[in-house]
Amino acid sequence: MAEETFEFTAKTKKNLFIFIAVGAVLALLGIFSISMGGGHHELEGEAGHAFHWTQRLYANLWINNVYFAGIALIGVLFFAIQYAAQAGWSAGIKRIPLSFGAWIPFAGVLMLVTYFVAGHDLFHWTHHDLYDPASPDYDSIIAGKGPYFFWPLHGGSVPVFFLARLVIFFAVWYMLFAKLKSLAYKEDLEGGTEKWYQLRKLSAIFIIFFAVSSSMAAWDWVLSIDTHWFSTMFGWYNFASWWVSGLALTAFIVVLLKDKGYLSIVNANHIHDLGKFIFAFSVFWTYIWFSQFLLIYYANIPEETIYYVERWKNGQYAPLFYLNLIVNFFFPFLVLMTRNAKRHSRFIKVVAPVIIIGHWLDFYLMITPGTLKGNGGFGLLELGLMFVYSGAFIYVILNQLSKAPLYAKNHPMLEESLHHHI
């Protein structure tokens, strides 16, 4: 088969830059509105300080950092799973999700910079008074969790252990992504099965490391915002949200490239498989969401229920709480229920972007109430930063796709993918 290479045209780049610029303008307008007293209530913070617009900016930066870092990792995970499982059907589309990994180094840098600038506003556990028994703000629960963040130093100092995990995770993720990408390109050039076997082994290593590191990252980046709260299902819950978003973005890019004349190898059966994944794991996300909610609801332990009280019973977040369920479960469940819906790209074009936005909302609800309490809101700042991050993320993905053929013509299972039928 002839090679197909994506052309990242000047027009596409220009459109993305315009999209990012529009997002930046919206964010600036949002900041101006908030600083003038709009979009929030003037409440006193936990330490008695008045709310400042920078806190809302920091919260939104963290939401986007976490969300898009997760999607980047999911792309590499999907690629790795295909090799580890010896899947043939996906041979023609595997490089689409692999390209997501190009965002990993950007995500790591943005995450570190945001923490050093805004960590004190984002994470309550960084306040040193919480660890001093002589302080009126001393918190025995948070002090007990101090070693998880600060080891080998004492609580309230520099969170060495927390930062070490962040750096190590991103370094290993990127190293494994770079090696997988290198082997995938060599597989195309050399043919045969040697590189395929190497990819299979390395993919298994990535999957194992991802399983541990992604859960710990969810505890560090999201769960620790509500420091008193805990959930044994939280790692799974974050994974489910990231995973569905990554599947939706993969399917969306595949159908758009197909419409542009690329990916001649892709047929309705590949679209059907991607549609089934989106449908099934939307149900899986709902299962995890409901399981976590129900266990906490009927146990009715105050230190557990507070997490949902702040989101479900707070008039500011309650509408978004219900909207989260509608767009991430009911909408994809009803639209993709039939076989025909899963096989037609027009349905994927509708469902996929809704899911991507919907799971951004999911992370908004995980992070904002814990960082901002009653000072949260949804307006131009949130919309603008979402535009900026998504535009930059897509730019990096498309730039990566343009560097190599869209599929490996020498992949040992390409013929199986070409004749894939379900």
Protein backbone atom coordinates (compact mmCIF):
# COMPACT_ATOMS: atom_id res chain seq x y z
CA MET A 1 0.00 0.00 0.00
CA ALA A 2 1.08 3.55 -0.67
CA GLU A 3 2.25 5.63 2.26
CA GLU A 4 -0.02 8.35 3.60
CA THR A 5 1.53 11.31 5.39
CA PHE A 6 -0.53 14.04 6.97
CA GLU A 7 0.17 17.51 5.59
CA PHE A 8 0.07 20.12 8.33
CA THR A 9 -0.82 23.03 6.09
CA ALA A 10 -0.16 26.71 6.74
CA LYS A 11 -3.93 27.28 6.73
CA THR A 12 -4.49 24.72 9.48
CA LYS A 13 -1.69 26.23 11.56
CA LYS A 14 -3.15 29.70 11.07
CA ASN A 15 -6.61 28.53 12.14
CA LEU A 16 -5.17 26.94 15.28
CA PHE A 17 -3.24 30.11 16.15
CA ILE A 18 -6.43 32.13 15.70
CA PHE A 19 -8.28 29.67 17.94
CA ILE A 20 -5.58 29.98 20.61
CA ALA A 21 -5.58 33.77 20.31
CA VAL A 22 -9.37 33.89 20.70
CA GLY A 23 -9.01 31.76 23.81
CA ALA A 24 -6.35 34.09 25.21
CA VAL A 25 -8.58 37.12 24.61
CA LEU A 26 -11.54 35.41 26.28
CA ALA A 27 -9.36 34.48 29.25
CA LEU A 28 -8.13 38.06 29.62
CA LEU A 29 -11.70 39.36 29.43
CA GLY A 30 -12.66 36.81 32.06
CA ILE A 31 -9.82 37.92 34.33
CA PHE A 32 -10.86 41.55 33.90
CA SER A 33 -14.48 40.70 34.73
CA ILE A 34 -13.51 38.75 37.85
CA SER A 35 -11.07 41.41 39.05
CA MET A 36 -13.85 43.99 38.73
CA GLY A 37 -16.03 41.91 41.04
CA GLY A 38 -18.02 39.84 38.55
CA GLY A 39 -18.35 36.08 38.40
CA HIS A 40 -17.74 35.30 42.07
CA HIS A 41 -18.83 36.07 45.58
CA GLU A 42 -16.43 37.88 47.87
CA LEU A 43 -15.86 35.18 50.43
CA GLU A 44 -13.14 34.84 53.00
CA GLY A 45 -10.60 32.12 52.28
CA GLU A 46 -9.60 29.39 54.69
CA ALA A 47 -6.87 31.57 56.17
CA GLY A 48 -9.11 34.62 56.39
CA HIS A 49 -7.83 36.24 53.21
CA ALA A 50 -10.19 37.73 50.65
CA PHE A 51 -10.56 35.87 47.39
CA HIS A 52 -8.31 37.07 44.56
CA TRP A 53 -8.84 36.49 40.85
CA THR A 54 -5.45 34.78 40.56
CA GLN A 55 -6.80 31.85 42.58
CA ARG A 56 -9.41 31.15 39.92
CA LEU A 57 -6.77 31.50 37.21
CA TYR A 58 -4.52 29.01 39.00
CA ALA A 59 -7.37 26.53 39.46
CA ASN A 60 -8.14 26.64 35.74
CA LEU A 61 -4.51 26.23 34.79
CA TRP A 62 -4.35 23.15 37.00
CA ILE A 63 -7.56 21.68 35.54
CA ASN A 64 -6.20 21.95 32.00
CA ASN A 65 -2.75 20.72 32.98
CA VAL A 66 -4.17 17.58 34.57
CA TYR A 67 -6.78 16.91 31.90
CA PHE A 68 -4.58 17.22 28.82
CA ALA A 69 -1.65 15.45 30.46
CA GLY A 70 -4.01 12.54 31.09
CA ILE A 71 -5.24 12.42 27.49
CA ALA A 72 -1.63 12.46 26.25
CA LEU A 73 -0.85 9.44 28.42
CA ILE A 74 -4.00 7.63 27.35
CA GLY A 75 -2.95 7.92 23.72
CA VAL A 76 0.32 6.14 24.46
CA LEU A 77 -1.52 3.60 26.63
CA PHE A 78 -3.94 2.77 23.81
CA PHE A 79 -0.98 2.27 21.45
CA ALA A 80 0.77 0.04 24.00
CA ILE A 81 -2.34 -2.05 24.64
CA GLN A 82 -2.66 -2.83 20.93
CA TYR A 83 0.86 -4.26 20.82
CA ALA A 84 0.62 -6.07 24.15
CA ALA A 85 -2.67 -7.67 23.08
CA GLN A 86 -1.31 -8.48 19.59
CA ALA A 87 -4.28 -6.63 18.11
CA GLY A 88 -4.50 -6.58 14.34
CA TRP A 89 -7.61 -4.48 13.70
CA SER A 90 -5.94 -1.26 14.88
CA ALA A 91 -2.72 -1.51 12.84
CA GLY A 92 -3.88 1.27 10.54
CA ILE A 93 -4.81 3.80 13.24
CA LYS A 94 -2.29 3.21 16.05
CA ARG A 95 -0.16 6.22 15.20
CA ILE A 96 -3.07 8.58 15.82
CA PRO A 97 -3.19 8.00 19.61
CA LEU A 98 0.60 7.60 19.74
CA SER A 99 0.91 11.21 18.56
CA PHE A 100 -0.83 12.38 21.74
CA GLY A 101 2.35 11.51 23.63
CA ALA A 102 4.15 14.46 22.03
CA TRP A 103 2.34 16.63 24.60
CA ILE A 104 3.96 14.84 27.58
CA PRO A 105 7.07 17.10 27.89
CA PHE A 106 4.95 20.24 27.56
CA ALA A 107 2.56 18.88 30.19
CA GLY A 108 5.41 18.15 32.58
CA VAL A 109 6.90 21.63 32.29
CA LEU A 110 3.50 23.33 32.62
CA MET A 111 2.67 21.20 35.65
CA LEU A 112 5.91 22.09 37.43
CA VAL A 113 5.69 25.80 36.62
CA THR A 114 2.07 25.96 37.76
CA TYR A 115 2.91 24.21 41.01
CA PHE A 116 5.83 26.52 41.84
CA VAL A 117 3.75 29.61 41.03
CA ALA A 118 0.42 28.52 42.49
CA GLY A 119 0.96 25.47 44.69
CA HIS A 120 0.20 27.39 47.88
CA ASP A 121 -3.19 28.44 46.47
CA LEU A 122 -4.04 25.06 44.97
CA PHE A 123 -3.03 22.70 47.77
CA HIS A 124 -4.10 23.35 51.35
CA TRP A 125 -1.55 20.81 52.60
CA THR A 126 1.35 23.13 51.59
CA HIS A 127 0.58 25.55 54.48
CA HIS A 128 3.29 25.03 57.11
CA ASP A 129 1.07 26.04 60.08
CA LEU A 130 -0.92 22.84 59.60
CA TYR A 131 2.09 20.80 60.77
CA ASP A 132 3.02 22.86 63.84
CA PRO A 133 1.36 21.50 67.02
CA ALA A 134 1.78 24.93 68.63
CA SER A 135 -0.18 26.66 65.87
CA PRO A 136 -3.94 27.27 66.19
CA ASP A 137 -4.21 26.00 62.58
CA TYR A 138 -2.59 22.65 63.40
CA ASP A 139 -4.38 19.77 61.66
CA SER A 140 -3.57 16.31 62.98
CA ILE A 141 -5.06 14.55 59.94
CA ILE A 142 -3.05 16.53 57.40
CA ALA A 143 0.05 16.32 59.61
CA GLY A 144 -0.33 12.55 59.57
CA LYS A 145 -0.26 12.60 55.78
CA GLY A 146 2.79 14.88 55.73
CA PRO A 147 5.40 12.19 54.92
CA TYR A 148 3.56 11.34 51.69
CA PHE A 149 4.25 14.87 50.45
CA PHE A 150 7.38 16.03 52.28
CA TRP A 151 9.55 12.97 52.99
CA PRO A 152 12.46 13.02 53.81
CA LEU A 153 11.90 16.58 55.13
CA HIS A 154 9.47 17.60 57.83
CA GLY A 155 5.89 18.59 57.08
CA GLY A 156 5.32 22.13 55.86
CA SER A 157 8.75 22.52 54.26
CA VAL A 158 9.56 21.63 50.65
CA PRO A 159 7.36 18.77 49.32
CA VAL A 160 10.34 16.80 48.02
CA PHE A 161 8.51 13.48 47.73
CA PHE A 162 5.57 15.05 45.88
CA LEU A 163 7.83 16.88 43.40
CA ALA A 164 10.09 13.85 42.95
CA ARG A 165 7.11 11.73 41.94
CA LEU A 166 5.95 14.38 39.49
CA VAL A 167 9.36 14.66 37.83
CA ILE A 168 10.02 10.90 37.78
CA PHE A 169 6.59 10.10 36.34
CA PHE A 170 6.90 12.57 33.48
CA ALA A 171 10.50 11.59 32.78
CA VAL A 172 9.69 7.87 32.56
CA TRP A 173 6.47 8.47 30.60
CA TYR A 174 8.32 10.53 28.02
CA MET A 175 11.26 8.13 27.85
CA LEU A 176 8.94 5.18 27.18
CA PHE A 177 6.90 7.19 24.67
CA ALA A 178 10.05 8.24 22.79
CA LYS A 179 11.30 4.64 22.67
CA LEU A 180 7.92 3.31 21.50
CA LYS A 181 7.77 5.96 18.79
CA SER A 182 11.33 5.23 17.67
CA LEU A 183 10.68 1.48 17.42
CA ALA A 184 7.40 2.09 15.57
CA TYR A 185 9.17 4.18 12.93
CA LYS A 186 11.98 1.62 12.61
CA GLU A 187 9.37 -1.12 12.21
CA ASP A 188 8.09 0.73 9.17
CA LEU A 189 11.55 1.14 7.65
CA GLU A 190 12.91 -2.35 8.31
CA GLY A 191 9.83 -4.56 8.15
CA GLY A 192 9.84 -8.04 9.64
CA THR A 193 8.82 -8.91 13.18
CA GLU A 194 11.91 -8.03 15.25
CA LYS A 195 10.74 -4.50 16.06
CA TRP A 196 7.18 -5.74 16.56
CA TYR A 197 8.37 -8.11 19.32
CA GLN A 198 10.42 -5.32 20.90
CA LEU A 199 7.38 -3.04 20.82
CA ARG A 200 5.29 -5.75 22.43
CA LYS A 201 7.73 -6.12 25.35
CA LEU A 202 8.15 -2.38 25.85
CA SER A 203 4.38 -1.88 25.67
CA ALA A 204 3.91 -4.33 28.55
CA ILE A 205 6.42 -2.34 30.60
CA PHE A 206 4.60 0.91 29.84
CA ILE A 207 1.23 -0.56 30.81
CA ILE A 208 2.54 -1.78 34.17
CA PHE A 209 4.24 1.52 34.95
CA PHE A 210 1.17 3.47 33.85
CA ALA A 211 -1.10 1.41 36.10
CA VAL A 212 0.88 2.41 39.19
CA SER A 213 1.95 5.93 38.24
CA SER A 214 -1.40 7.14 36.90
CA SER A 215 -3.17 6.22 40.13
CA MET A 216 -0.52 7.93 42.23
CA ALA A 217 -0.66 10.96 39.94
CA ALA A 218 -4.43 11.13 40.49
CA TRP A 219 -3.87 11.08 44.26
CA ASP A 220 -1.18 13.76 44.03
CA TRP A 221 -2.72 16.13 41.50
CA VAL A 222 -6.44 15.85 42.25
CA LEU A 223 -7.29 13.89 45.40
CA SER A 224 -4.82 15.81 47.59
CA ILE A 225 -6.67 19.06 46.84
CA ASP A 226 -9.39 17.81 49.22
CA THR A 227 -6.77 16.70 51.73
CA HIS A 228 -9.12 15.35 54.40
CA TRP A 229 -11.18 13.36 51.93
CA PHE A 230 -10.26 9.93 50.61
CA SER A 231 -11.58 7.34 48.19
CA THR A 232 -10.09 3.96 47.34
CA MET A 233 -11.70 4.21 43.88
CA PHE A 234 -10.25 7.59 42.96
CA GLY A 235 -7.40 6.30 40.81
CA TRP A 236 -9.83 4.21 38.78
CA TYR A 237 -12.23 7.12 38.50
CA ASN A 238 -9.58 9.46 37.09
CA PHE A 239 -8.40 6.76 34.72
CA ALA A 240 -11.94 6.15 33.45
CA SER A 241 -12.43 9.85 32.72
CA TRP A 242 -9.07 10.18 30.97
CA TRP A 243 -9.60 6.93 29.07
CA VAL A 244 -12.99 7.84 27.60
CA SER A 245 -11.64 11.27 26.61
CA GLY A 246 -8.66 9.67 24.87
CA LEU A 247 -10.88 7.22 23.00
CA ALA A 248 -13.20 10.02 21.92
CA LEU A 249 -10.31 12.16 20.65
CA THR A 250 -8.80 9.20 18.79
CA ALA A 251 -12.11 8.44 17.07
CA PHE A 252 -12.73 12.12 16.29
CA ILE A 253 -9.32 12.58 14.63
CA VAL A 254 -9.68 9.32 12.70
CA VAL A 255 -13.03 10.31 11.17
CA LEU A 256 -11.82 13.84 10.39
CA LEU A 257 -8.69 12.52 8.67
CA LYS A 258 -10.85 10.03 6.78
CA ASP A 259 -13.05 12.89 5.57
CA LYS A 260 -9.94 14.74 4.36
CA GLY A 261 -8.93 11.79 2.19
CA TYR A 262 -6.43 10.19 4.55
CA LEU A 263 -6.52 6.73 6.17
CA SER A 264 -7.78 4.83 3.14
CA ILE A 265 -7.20 1.68 5.19
CA VAL A 266 -9.98 2.67 7.62
CA ASN A 267 -13.49 1.40 6.94
CA ALA A 268 -16.83 1.36 8.75
CA ASN A 269 -15.71 -1.61 10.83
CA HIS A 270 -12.85 0.36 12.40
CA ILE A 271 -15.25 3.20 13.15
CA HIS A 272 -17.62 0.64 14.67
CA ASP A 273 -14.91 -0.65 17.00
CA LEU A 274 -14.01 2.86 18.13
CA GLY A 275 -17.70 3.62 18.64
CA LYS A 276 -18.07 0.47 20.75
CA PHE A 277 -15.12 1.51 22.88
CA ILE A 278 -16.62 4.95 23.49
CA PHE A 279 -20.02 3.46 24.30
CA ALA A 280 -18.67 0.73 26.58
CA PHE A 281 -16.29 2.90 28.55
CA SER A 282 -18.85 5.66 28.97
CA VAL A 283 -20.83 3.00 30.80
CA PHE A 284 -17.67 1.98 32.68
CA TRP A 285 -17.06 5.59 33.77
CA THR A 286 -20.67 5.75 35.00
CA TYR A 287 -20.23 2.48 36.88
CA ILE A 288 -17.19 3.86 38.70
CA TRP A 289 -18.92 7.21 39.33
CA PHE A 290 -22.04 5.56 40.74
CA SER A 291 -20.14 2.98 42.79
CA GLN A 292 -18.06 5.66 44.48
CA PHE A 293 -21.09 7.89 45.04
CA LEU A 294 -23.36 5.13 46.36
CA LEU A 295 -20.82 3.74 48.84
CA ILE A 296 -20.27 7.19 50.30
CA TYR A 297 -23.97 8.08 50.21
CA TYR A 298 -25.28 5.13 52.19
CA ALA A 299 -22.31 5.04 54.61
CA ASN A 300 -23.09 8.70 55.38
CA ILE A 301 -19.77 9.38 57.13
CA PRO A 302 -19.27 13.18 57.36
CA GLU A 303 -15.59 13.19 56.33
CA GLU A 304 -16.57 11.30 53.17
CA THR A 305 -19.89 12.93 52.30
CA ILE A 306 -18.43 16.46 52.45
CA TYR A 307 -16.93 15.91 48.98
CA TYR A 308 -20.38 15.45 47.45
CA VAL A 309 -22.08 18.02 49.67
CA GLU A 310 -19.77 20.69 48.23
CA ARG A 311 -20.70 19.67 44.68
CA TRP A 312 -24.24 18.30 44.86
CA LYS A 313 -25.79 20.58 47.48
CA ASN A 314 -23.97 23.76 46.48
CA GLY A 315 -26.17 25.81 44.16
CA GLN A 316 -23.11 27.03 42.32
CA TYR A 317 -21.94 23.56 41.31
CA ALA A 318 -25.17 21.53 41.45
CA PRO A 319 -26.26 22.27 37.83
CA LEU A 320 -22.82 21.19 36.58
CA PHE A 321 -22.98 18.10 38.79
CA TYR A 322 -26.10 16.93 36.94
CA LEU A 323 -24.83 18.12 33.55
CA ASN A 324 -21.75 15.97 34.08
CA LEU A 325 -23.91 12.84 34.19
CA ILE A 326 -26.01 13.91 31.22
CA VAL A 327 -23.16 14.62 28.79
CA ASN A 328 -20.86 11.81 29.93
CA PHE A 329 -23.39 9.00 30.29
CA PHE A 330 -26.92 9.60 29.06
CA PHE A 331 -25.94 11.40 25.85
CA PRO A 332 -23.35 8.88 24.52
CA PHE A 333 -25.39 5.96 25.85
CA LEU A 334 -28.54 6.96 23.97
CA VAL A 335 -26.87 8.23 20.79
CA LEU A 336 -24.48 5.28 20.32
CA MET A 337 -26.84 2.54 21.46
CA THR A 338 -27.55 1.16 17.98
CA ARG A 339 -25.09 -0.64 15.74
CA ASN A 340 -25.60 1.81 12.88
CA ALA A 341 -24.82 4.80 15.09
CA LYS A 342 -21.45 3.32 16.02
CA ARG A 343 -20.56 2.68 12.37
CA HIS A 344 -21.32 6.13 10.95
CA SER A 345 -18.82 8.93 11.33
CA ARG A 346 -21.51 11.60 11.57
CA PHE A 347 -22.53 10.24 14.98
CA ILE A 348 -18.90 10.08 16.13
CA LYS A 349 -18.45 13.71 15.06
CA VAL A 350 -21.27 14.70 17.39
CA VAL A 351 -20.61 12.42 20.35
CA ALA A 352 -16.80 12.64 20.52
CA PRO A 353 -16.46 16.42 21.06
CA VAL A 354 -19.32 16.38 23.57
CA ILE A 355 -17.50 13.68 25.56
CA ILE A 356 -14.18 15.54 25.39
CA ILE A 357 -15.80 18.70 26.75
CA GLY A 358 -17.89 16.66 29.19
CA HIS A 359 -14.89 15.03 30.82
CA TRP A 360 -13.13 18.37 31.03
CA LEU A 361 -16.19 19.35 33.06
CA ASP A 362 -15.66 16.22 35.16
CA PHE A 363 -12.16 17.39 36.11
CA TYR A 364 -13.51 20.89 36.71
CA LEU A 365 -15.86 19.41 39.30
CA MET A 366 -13.05 17.39 40.86
CA ILE A 367 -10.71 20.36 41.24
CA THR A 368 -12.59 23.67 41.45
CA PRO A 369 -14.77 23.13 44.57
CA GLY A 370 -11.73 21.98 46.53
CA THR A 371 -9.51 24.89 45.50
CA LEU A 372 -12.01 27.76 45.33
CA LYS A 373 -14.91 26.62 47.55
CA GLY A 374 -17.73 29.12 46.94
CA ASN A 375 -15.59 31.40 44.78
CA GLY A 376 -15.73 29.13 41.75
CA GLY A 377 -17.58 29.92 38.59
CA PHE A 378 -17.80 29.15 34.92
CA GLY A 379 -17.30 32.00 32.50
CA LEU A 380 -14.96 33.54 29.95
CA LEU A 381 -11.82 32.60 31.90
CA GLU A 382 -12.72 28.91 31.95
CA LEU A 383 -13.77 28.91 28.29
CA GLY A 384 -10.73 30.89 27.17
CA LEU A 385 -8.14 28.71 28.89
CA MET A 386 -9.87 25.60 27.57
CA PHE A 387 -9.48 27.05 24.05
CA VAL A 388 -5.82 27.89 24.62
CA TYR A 389 -4.89 24.45 25.95
CA SER A 390 -6.96 22.48 23.44
CA GLY A 391 -5.58 24.54 20.54
CA ALA A 392 -2.00 24.03 21.68
CA PHE A 393 -2.66 20.33 22.30
CA ILE A 394 -4.10 19.79 18.82
CA TYR A 395 -1.21 21.75 17.27
CA VAL A 396 1.32 19.45 18.93
CA ILE A 397 -0.61 16.35 17.84
CA LEU A 398 -0.94 17.43 14.21
CA ASN A 399 2.70 18.47 14.10
CA GLN A 400 3.66 15.01 15.35
CA LEU A 401 1.40 13.29 12.81
CA SER A 402 3.05 15.20 9.96
CA LYS A 403 6.49 13.77 10.79
CA ALA A 404 5.83 10.19 9.68
CA PRO A 405 3.34 8.14 7.64
CA LEU A 406 -0.07 7.78 9.27
CA TYR A 407 0.35 4.01 9.39
CA ALA A 408 3.24 1.58 9.03
CA LYS A 409 3.05 -0.11 5.65
CA ASN A 410 5.38 -2.86 6.92
CA HIS A 411 3.41 -3.64 10.07
CA PRO A 412 3.08 -7.47 10.25
CA MET A 413 -0.68 -7.21 10.94
CA LEU A 414 -1.54 -4.47 8.45
CA GLU A 415 -3.24 -6.95 6.15
CA GLU A 416 -5.54 -8.02 8.98
CA SER A 417 -6.47 -4.40 9.58
CA LEU A 418 -7.06 -3.86 5.88
CA HIS A 419 -9.62 -6.69 5.79
CA HIS A 420 -11.09 -6.02 9.22
CA HIS A 421 -14.78 -6.90 9.31
CA ILE A 422 -17.27 -7.24 12.15
